[in-house]
PDB file of N, CA and C in Angstrom:
ATOM      1  N   MET A   1     -16.547   5.761   4.590  1.00  0.00           N
ATOM      2  CA  MET A   1     -15.432   5.946   3.677  1.00  0.00           C
ATOM      3  C   MET A   1     -15.249   4.669   2.854  1.00  0.00           C
ATOM      4  N   ALA A   2     -15.044   4.825   1.597  1.00  0.00           N
ATOM      5  CA  ALA A   2     -14.839   3.683   0.701  1.00  0.00           C
ATOM      6  C   ALA A   2     -13.432   3.114   0.877  1.00  0.00           C
ATOM      7  N   ASP A   3     -13.244   1.893   0.423  1.00  0.00           N
ATOM      8  CA  ASP A   3     -11.903   1.290   0.450  1.00  0.00           C
ATOM      9  C   ASP A   3     -10.942   2.150  -0.366  1.00  0.00           C
ATOM     10  N   THR A   4      -9.688   2.119   0.026  1.00  0.00           N
ATOM     11  CA  THR A   4      -8.653   2.862  -0.680  1.00  0.00           C
ATOM     12  C   THR A   4      -7.729   1.884  -1.386  1.00  0.00           C
ATOM     13  N   THR A   5      -7.420   2.149  -2.627  1.00  0.00           N
ATOM     14  CA  THR A   5      -6.505   1.317  -3.398  1.00  0.00           C
ATOM     15  C   THR A   5      -5.219   2.089  -3.630  1.00  0.00           C
ATOM     16  N   ILE A   6      -4.107   1.423  -3.401  1.00  0.00           N
ATOM     17  CA  ILE A   6      -2.798   2.020  -3.635  1.00  0.00           C
ATOM     18  C   ILE A   6      -2.123   1.227  -4.755  1.00  0.00           C
ATOM     19  N   THR A   7      -1.609   1.918  -5.737  1.00  0.00           N
ATOM     20  CA  THR A   7      -0.938   1.265  -6.852  1.00  0.00           C
ATOM     21  C   THR A   7       0.544   1.628  -6.824  1.00  0.00           C
ATOM     22  N   VAL A   8       1.380   0.620  -6.940  1.00  0.00           N
ATOM     23  CA  VAL A   8       2.822   0.822  -6.998  1.00  0.00           C
ATOM     24  C   VAL A   8       3.294   0.258  -8.332  1.00  0.00           C
ATOM     25  N   THR A   9       4.070   1.029  -9.060  1.00  0.00           N
ATOM     26  CA  THR A   9       4.542   0.605 -10.368  1.00  0.00           C
ATOM     27  C   THR A   9       6.068   0.531 -10.376  1.00  0.00           C
ATOM     28  N   PHE A  10       6.586  -0.570 -10.905  1.00  0.00           N
ATOM     29  CA  PHE A  10       8.021  -0.759 -11.082  1.00  0.00           C
ATOM     30  C   PHE A  10       8.303  -0.936 -12.563  1.00  0.00           C
ATOM     31  N   THR A  11       9.459  -0.469 -13.005  1.00  0.00           N
ATOM     32  CA  THR A  11       9.863  -0.755 -14.377  1.00  0.00           C
ATOM     33  C   THR A  11      10.177  -2.240 -14.476  1.00  0.00           C
ATOM     34  N   GLU A  12      10.272  -2.740 -15.677  1.00  0.00           N
ATOM     35  CA  GLU A  12      10.615  -4.147 -15.868  1.00  0.00           C
ATOM     36  C   GLU A  12      11.983  -4.454 -15.250  1.00  0.00           C
ATOM     37  N   ALA A  13      12.921  -3.539 -15.409  1.00  0.00           N
ATOM     38  CA  ALA A  13      14.267  -3.729 -14.849  1.00  0.00           C
ATOM     39  C   ALA A  13      14.222  -3.757 -13.318  1.00  0.00           C
ATOM     40  N   GLN A  14      13.433  -2.866 -12.728  1.00  0.00           N
ATOM     41  CA  GLN A  14      13.308  -2.860 -11.268  1.00  0.00           C
ATOM     42  C   GLN A  14      12.687  -4.164 -10.769  1.00  0.00           C
ATOM     43  N   TRP A  15      11.612  -4.606 -11.443  1.00  0.00           N
ATOM     44  CA  TRP A  15      10.937  -5.835 -11.016  1.00  0.00           C
ATOM     45  C   TRP A  15      11.873  -7.039 -11.139  1.00  0.00           C
ATOM     46  N   THR A  16      12.664  -7.080 -12.181  1.00  0.00           N
ATOM     47  CA  THR A  16      13.634  -8.163 -12.354  1.00  0.00           C
ATOM     48  C   THR A  16      14.602  -8.192 -11.182  1.00  0.00           C
ATOM     49  N   ARG A  17      15.056  -7.044 -10.749  1.00  0.00           N
ATOM     50  CA  ARG A  17      15.965  -6.968  -9.602  1.00  0.00           C
ATOM     51  C   ARG A  17      15.262  -7.379  -8.310  1.00  0.00           C
ATOM     52  N   ILE A  18      14.012  -6.967  -8.155  1.00  0.00           N
ATOM     53  CA  ILE A  18      13.242  -7.338  -6.958  1.00  0.00           C
ATOM     54  C   ILE A  18      13.063  -8.848  -6.895  1.00  0.00           C
ATOM     55  N   VAL A  19      12.657  -9.457  -7.996  1.00  0.00           N
ATOM     56  CA  VAL A  19      12.458 -10.906  -8.036  1.00  0.00           C
ATOM     57  C   VAL A  19      13.778 -11.627  -7.775  1.00  0.00           C
ATOM     58  N   ALA A  20      14.864 -11.109  -8.321  1.00  0.00           N
ATOM     59  CA  ALA A  20      16.178 -11.724  -8.092  1.00  0.00           C
ATOM     60  C   ALA A  20      16.541 -11.702  -6.612  1.00  0.00           C
ATOM     61  N   ALA A  21      16.015 -10.733  -5.874  1.00  0.00           N
ATOM     62  CA  ALA A  21      16.299 -10.616  -4.437  1.00  0.00           C
ATOM     63  C   ALA A  21      15.253 -11.332  -3.576  1.00  0.00           C
ATOM     64  N   SER A  22      14.423 -12.169  -4.176  1.00  0.00           N
ATOM     65  CA  SER A  22      13.324 -12.827  -3.459  1.00  0.00           C
ATOM     66  C   SER A  22      13.768 -13.532  -2.187  1.00  0.00           C
ATOM     67  N   SER A  23      14.823 -14.326  -2.262  1.00  0.00           N
ATOM     68  CA  SER A  23      15.246 -15.078  -1.080  1.00  0.00           C
ATOM     69  C   SER A  23      15.706 -14.137   0.032  1.00  0.00           C
ATOM     70  N   TYR A  24      16.289 -13.008  -0.332  1.00  0.00           N
ATOM     71  CA  TYR A  24      16.713 -12.021   0.664  1.00  0.00           C
ATOM     72  C   TYR A  24      15.493 -11.337   1.277  1.00  0.00           C
ATOM     73  N   ILE A  25      14.529 -10.972   0.441  1.00  0.00           N
ATOM     74  CA  ILE A  25      13.329 -10.291   0.907  1.00  0.00           C
ATOM     75  C   ILE A  25      12.492 -11.206   1.793  1.00  0.00           C
ATOM     76  N   LYS A  26      12.318 -12.461   1.389  1.00  0.00           N
ATOM     77  CA  LYS A  26      11.494 -13.395   2.149  1.00  0.00           C
ATOM     78  C   LYS A  26      12.191 -13.956   3.376  1.00  0.00           C
ATOM     79  N   GLY A  27      13.501 -13.926   3.359  1.00  0.00           N
ATOM     80  CA  GLY A  27      14.237 -14.454   4.501  1.00  0.00           C
ATOM     81  C   GLY A  27      14.334 -15.968   4.471  1.00  0.00           C
ATOM     82  N   PRO A  28      14.977 -16.534   5.491  1.00  0.00           N
ATOM     83  CA  PRO A  28      15.232 -17.974   5.489  1.00  0.00           C
ATOM     84  C   PRO A  28      13.974 -18.842   5.509  1.00  0.00           C
ATOM     85  N   SER A  29      12.880 -18.319   6.035  1.00  0.00           N
ATOM     86  CA  SER A  29      11.665 -19.139   6.119  1.00  0.00           C
ATOM     87  C   SER A  29      10.821 -19.077   4.856  1.00  0.00           C
ATOM     88  N   GLY A  30      11.150 -18.179   3.928  1.00  0.00           N
ATOM     89  CA  GLY A  30      10.368 -18.042   2.707  1.00  0.00           C
ATOM     90  C   GLY A  30      10.911 -18.892   1.586  1.00  0.00           C
ATOM     91  N   SER A  31      10.048 -19.181   0.640  1.00  0.00           N
ATOM     92  CA  SER A  31      10.493 -19.935  -0.532  1.00  0.00           C
ATOM     93  C   SER A  31       9.802 -19.386  -1.767  1.00  0.00           C
ATOM     94  N   GLY A  32      10.409 -19.585  -2.906  1.00  0.00           N
ATOM     95  CA  GLY A  32       9.843 -19.105  -4.159  1.00  0.00           C
ATOM     96  C   GLY A  32      10.081 -17.617  -4.353  1.00  0.00           C
ATOM     97  N   ASN A  33       9.612 -17.118  -5.481  1.00  0.00           N
ATOM     98  CA  ASN A  33       9.794 -15.709  -5.825  1.00  0.00           C
ATOM     99  C   ASN A  33       8.713 -14.835  -5.214  1.00  0.00           C
ATOM    100  N   VAL A  34       9.061 -13.595  -4.943  1.00  0.00           N
ATOM    101  CA  VAL A  34       8.064 -12.629  -4.502  1.00  0.00           C
ATOM    102  C   VAL A  34       7.155 -12.295  -5.673  1.00  0.00           C
ATOM    103  N   ASP A  35       5.943 -11.879  -5.346  1.00  0.00           N
ATOM    104  CA  ASP A  35       5.003 -11.438  -6.369  1.00  0.00           C
ATOM    105  C   ASP A  35       4.125 -10.349  -5.766  1.00  0.00           C
ATOM    106  N   ALA A  36       3.193  -9.834  -6.530  1.00  0.00           N
ATOM    107  CA  ALA A  36       2.341  -8.741  -6.061  1.00  0.00           C
ATOM    108  C   ALA A  36       1.550  -9.148  -4.825  1.00  0.00           C
ATOM    109  N   ASP A  37       1.043 -10.375  -4.787  1.00  0.00           N
ATOM    110  CA  ASP A  37       0.281 -10.825  -3.618  1.00  0.00           C
ATOM    111  C   ASP A  37       1.149 -10.874  -2.367  1.00  0.00           C
ATOM    112  N   PHE A  38       2.408 -11.274  -2.519  1.00  0.00           N
ATOM    113  CA  PHE A  38       3.323 -11.296  -1.384  1.00  0.00           C
ATOM    114  C   PHE A  38       3.457  -9.893  -0.794  1.00  0.00           C
ATOM    115  N   PHE A  39       3.704  -8.890  -1.657  1.00  0.00           N
ATOM    116  CA  PHE A  39       3.877  -7.523  -1.169  1.00  0.00           C
ATOM    117  C   PHE A  39       2.579  -6.962  -0.603  1.00  0.00           C
ATOM    118  N   LYS A  40       1.466  -7.293  -1.224  1.00  0.00           N
ATOM    119  CA  LYS A  40       0.164  -6.830  -0.713  1.00  0.00           C
ATOM    120  C   LYS A  40      -0.031  -7.311   0.719  1.00  0.00           C
ATOM    121  N   THR A  41       0.220  -8.576   0.948  1.00  0.00           N
ATOM    122  CA  THR A  41       0.067  -9.147   2.287  1.00  0.00           C
ATOM    123  C   THR A  41       1.078  -8.561   3.264  1.00  0.00           C
ATOM    124  N   MET A  42       2.344  -8.492   2.839  1.00  0.00           N
ATOM    125  CA  MET A  42       3.394  -7.985   3.712  1.00  0.00           C
ATOM    126  C   MET A  42       3.127  -6.538   4.113  1.00  0.00           C
ATOM    127  N   TRP A  43       2.798  -5.692   3.139  1.00  0.00           N
ATOM    128  CA  TRP A  43       2.574  -4.284   3.442  1.00  0.00           C
ATOM    129  C   TRP A  43       1.336  -4.092   4.319  1.00  0.00           C
ATOM    130  N   LYS A  44       0.284  -4.870   4.055  1.00  0.00           N
ATOM    131  CA  LYS A  44      -0.931  -4.744   4.867  1.00  0.00           C
ATOM    132  C   LYS A  44      -0.647  -5.169   6.308  1.00  0.00           C
ATOM    133  N   GLU A  45       0.090  -6.259   6.501  1.00  0.00           N
ATOM    134  CA  GLU A  45       0.442  -6.718   7.848  1.00  0.00           C
ATOM    135  C   GLU A  45       1.324  -5.701   8.560  1.00  0.00           C
ATOM    136  N   ASN A  46       2.302  -5.134   7.845  1.00  0.00           N
ATOM    137  CA  ASN A  46       3.185  -4.125   8.445  1.00  0.00           C
ATOM    138  C   ASN A  46       2.402  -2.881   8.866  1.00  0.00           C
ATOM    139  N   LEU A  47       1.514  -2.414   7.999  1.00  0.00           N
ATOM    140  CA  LEU A  47       0.722  -1.234   8.327  1.00  0.00           C
ATOM    141  C   LEU A  47      -0.222  -1.504   9.494  1.00  0.00           C
ATOM    142  N   THR A  48      -0.809  -2.694   9.527  1.00  0.00           N
ATOM    143  CA  THR A  48      -1.686  -3.064  10.641  1.00  0.00           C
ATOM    144  C   THR A  48      -0.922  -3.019  11.959  1.00  0.00           C
ATOM    145  N   THR A  49       0.271  -3.583  11.970  1.00  0.00           N
ATOM    146  CA  THR A  49       1.103  -3.579  13.178  1.00  0.00           C
ATOM    147  C   THR A  49       1.454  -2.160  13.596  1.00  0.00           C
ATOM    148  N   GLN A  50       1.825  -1.329  12.632  1.00  0.00           N
ATOM    149  CA  GLN A  50       2.190   0.059  12.949  1.00  0.00           C
ATOM    150  C   GLN A  50       1.006   0.844  13.501  1.00  0.00           C
ATOM    151  N   VAL A  51      -0.168   0.681  12.912  1.00  0.00           N
ATOM    152  CA  VAL A  51      -1.350   1.403  13.386  1.00  0.00           C
ATOM    153  C   VAL A  51      -1.725   0.940  14.790  1.00  0.00           C
ATOM    154  N   LYS A  52      -1.682  -0.363  15.035  1.00  0.00           N
ATOM    155  CA  LYS A  52      -1.999  -0.872  16.374  1.00  0.00           C
ATOM    156  C   LYS A  52      -1.002  -0.353  17.406  1.00  0.00           C
ATOM    157  N   SER A  53       0.276  -0.299  17.053  1.00  0.00           N
ATOM    158  CA  SER A  53       1.291   0.243  17.963  1.00  0.00           C
ATOM    159  C   SER A  53       1.024   1.712  18.250  1.00  0.00           C
ATOM    160  N   TYR A  54       0.681   2.458  17.235  1.00  0.00           N
ATOM    161  CA  TYR A  54       0.366   3.874  17.395  1.00  0.00           C
ATOM    162  C   TYR A  54      -0.833   4.042  18.334  1.00  0.00           C
ATOM    163  N   GLU A  55      -1.900   3.273  18.081  1.00  0.00           N
ATOM    164  CA  GLU A  55      -3.103   3.392  18.904  1.00  0.00           C
ATOM    165  C   GLU A  55      -2.829   2.987  20.345  1.00  0.00           C
ATOM    166  N   LYS A  56      -2.020   1.974  20.552  1.00  0.00           N
ATOM    167  CA  LYS A  56      -1.664   1.556  21.902  1.00  0.00           C
ATOM    168  C   LYS A  56      -0.884   2.660  22.607  1.00  0.00           C
ATOM    169  N   GLU A  57       0.035   3.282  21.885  1.00  0.00           N
ATOM    170  CA  GLU A  57       0.825   4.375  22.453  1.00  0.00           C
ATOM    171  C   GLU A  57      -0.073   5.552  22.829  1.00  0.00           C
ATOM    172  N   GLN A  58      -1.023   5.879  21.966  1.00  0.00           N
ATOM    173  CA  GLN A  58      -1.938   6.981  22.236  1.00  0.00           C
ATOM    174  C   GLN A  58      -2.808   6.687  23.456  1.00  0.00           C
ATOM    175  N   ALA A  59      -3.258   5.448  23.599  1.00  0.00           N
ATOM    176  CA  ALA A  59      -4.086   5.056  24.732  1.00  0.00           C
ATOM    177  C   ALA A  59      -3.296   5.146  26.028  1.00  0.00           C
ATOM    178  N   SER A  60      -2.032   4.735  25.995  1.00  0.00           N
ATOM    179  CA  SER A  60      -1.246   4.767  27.211  1.00  0.00           C
ATOM    180  C   SER A  60      -0.957   6.201  27.646  1.00  0.00           C
ATOM    181  N   ILE A  61      -0.872   7.118  26.713  1.00  0.00           N
ATOM    182  CA  ILE A  61      -0.660   8.525  27.056  1.00  0.00           C
ATOM    183  C   ILE A  61      -1.911   9.071  27.761  1.00  0.00           C
ATOM    184  N   ALA A  62      -3.066   8.717  27.243  1.00  0.00           N
ATOM    185  CA  ALA A  62      -4.313   9.183  27.843  1.00  0.00           C
ATOM    186  C   ALA A  62      -4.510   8.615  29.242  1.00  0.00           C
ATOM    187  N   ASP A  63      -3.970   7.423  29.504  1.00  0.00           N
ATOM    188  CA  ASP A  63      -4.130   6.787  30.804  1.00  0.00           C
ATOM    189  C   ASP A  63      -3.156   7.313  31.840  1.00  0.00           C
ATOM    190  N   PHE A  64      -2.217   8.170  31.455  1.00  0.00           N
ATOM    191  CA  PHE A  64      -1.176   8.656  32.374  1.00  0.00           C
ATOM    192  C   PHE A  64      -1.766   9.380  33.526  1.00  0.00           C
TER     193      PHE A  64
END
């Protein structure tokens, strides 16, 4: 299977609001404004964690 690309589009007004919320989105340990690379990394890490949790749950059911 080839790599899958997901595209997310925001209006200029939406992106302005997202950037304005950067410190809230990044939390106390983050600095600077959010950008596309920030979301790419964050979403990939979140999905990786969710898939691993799902697979662990499935394995534990099989081991019952």
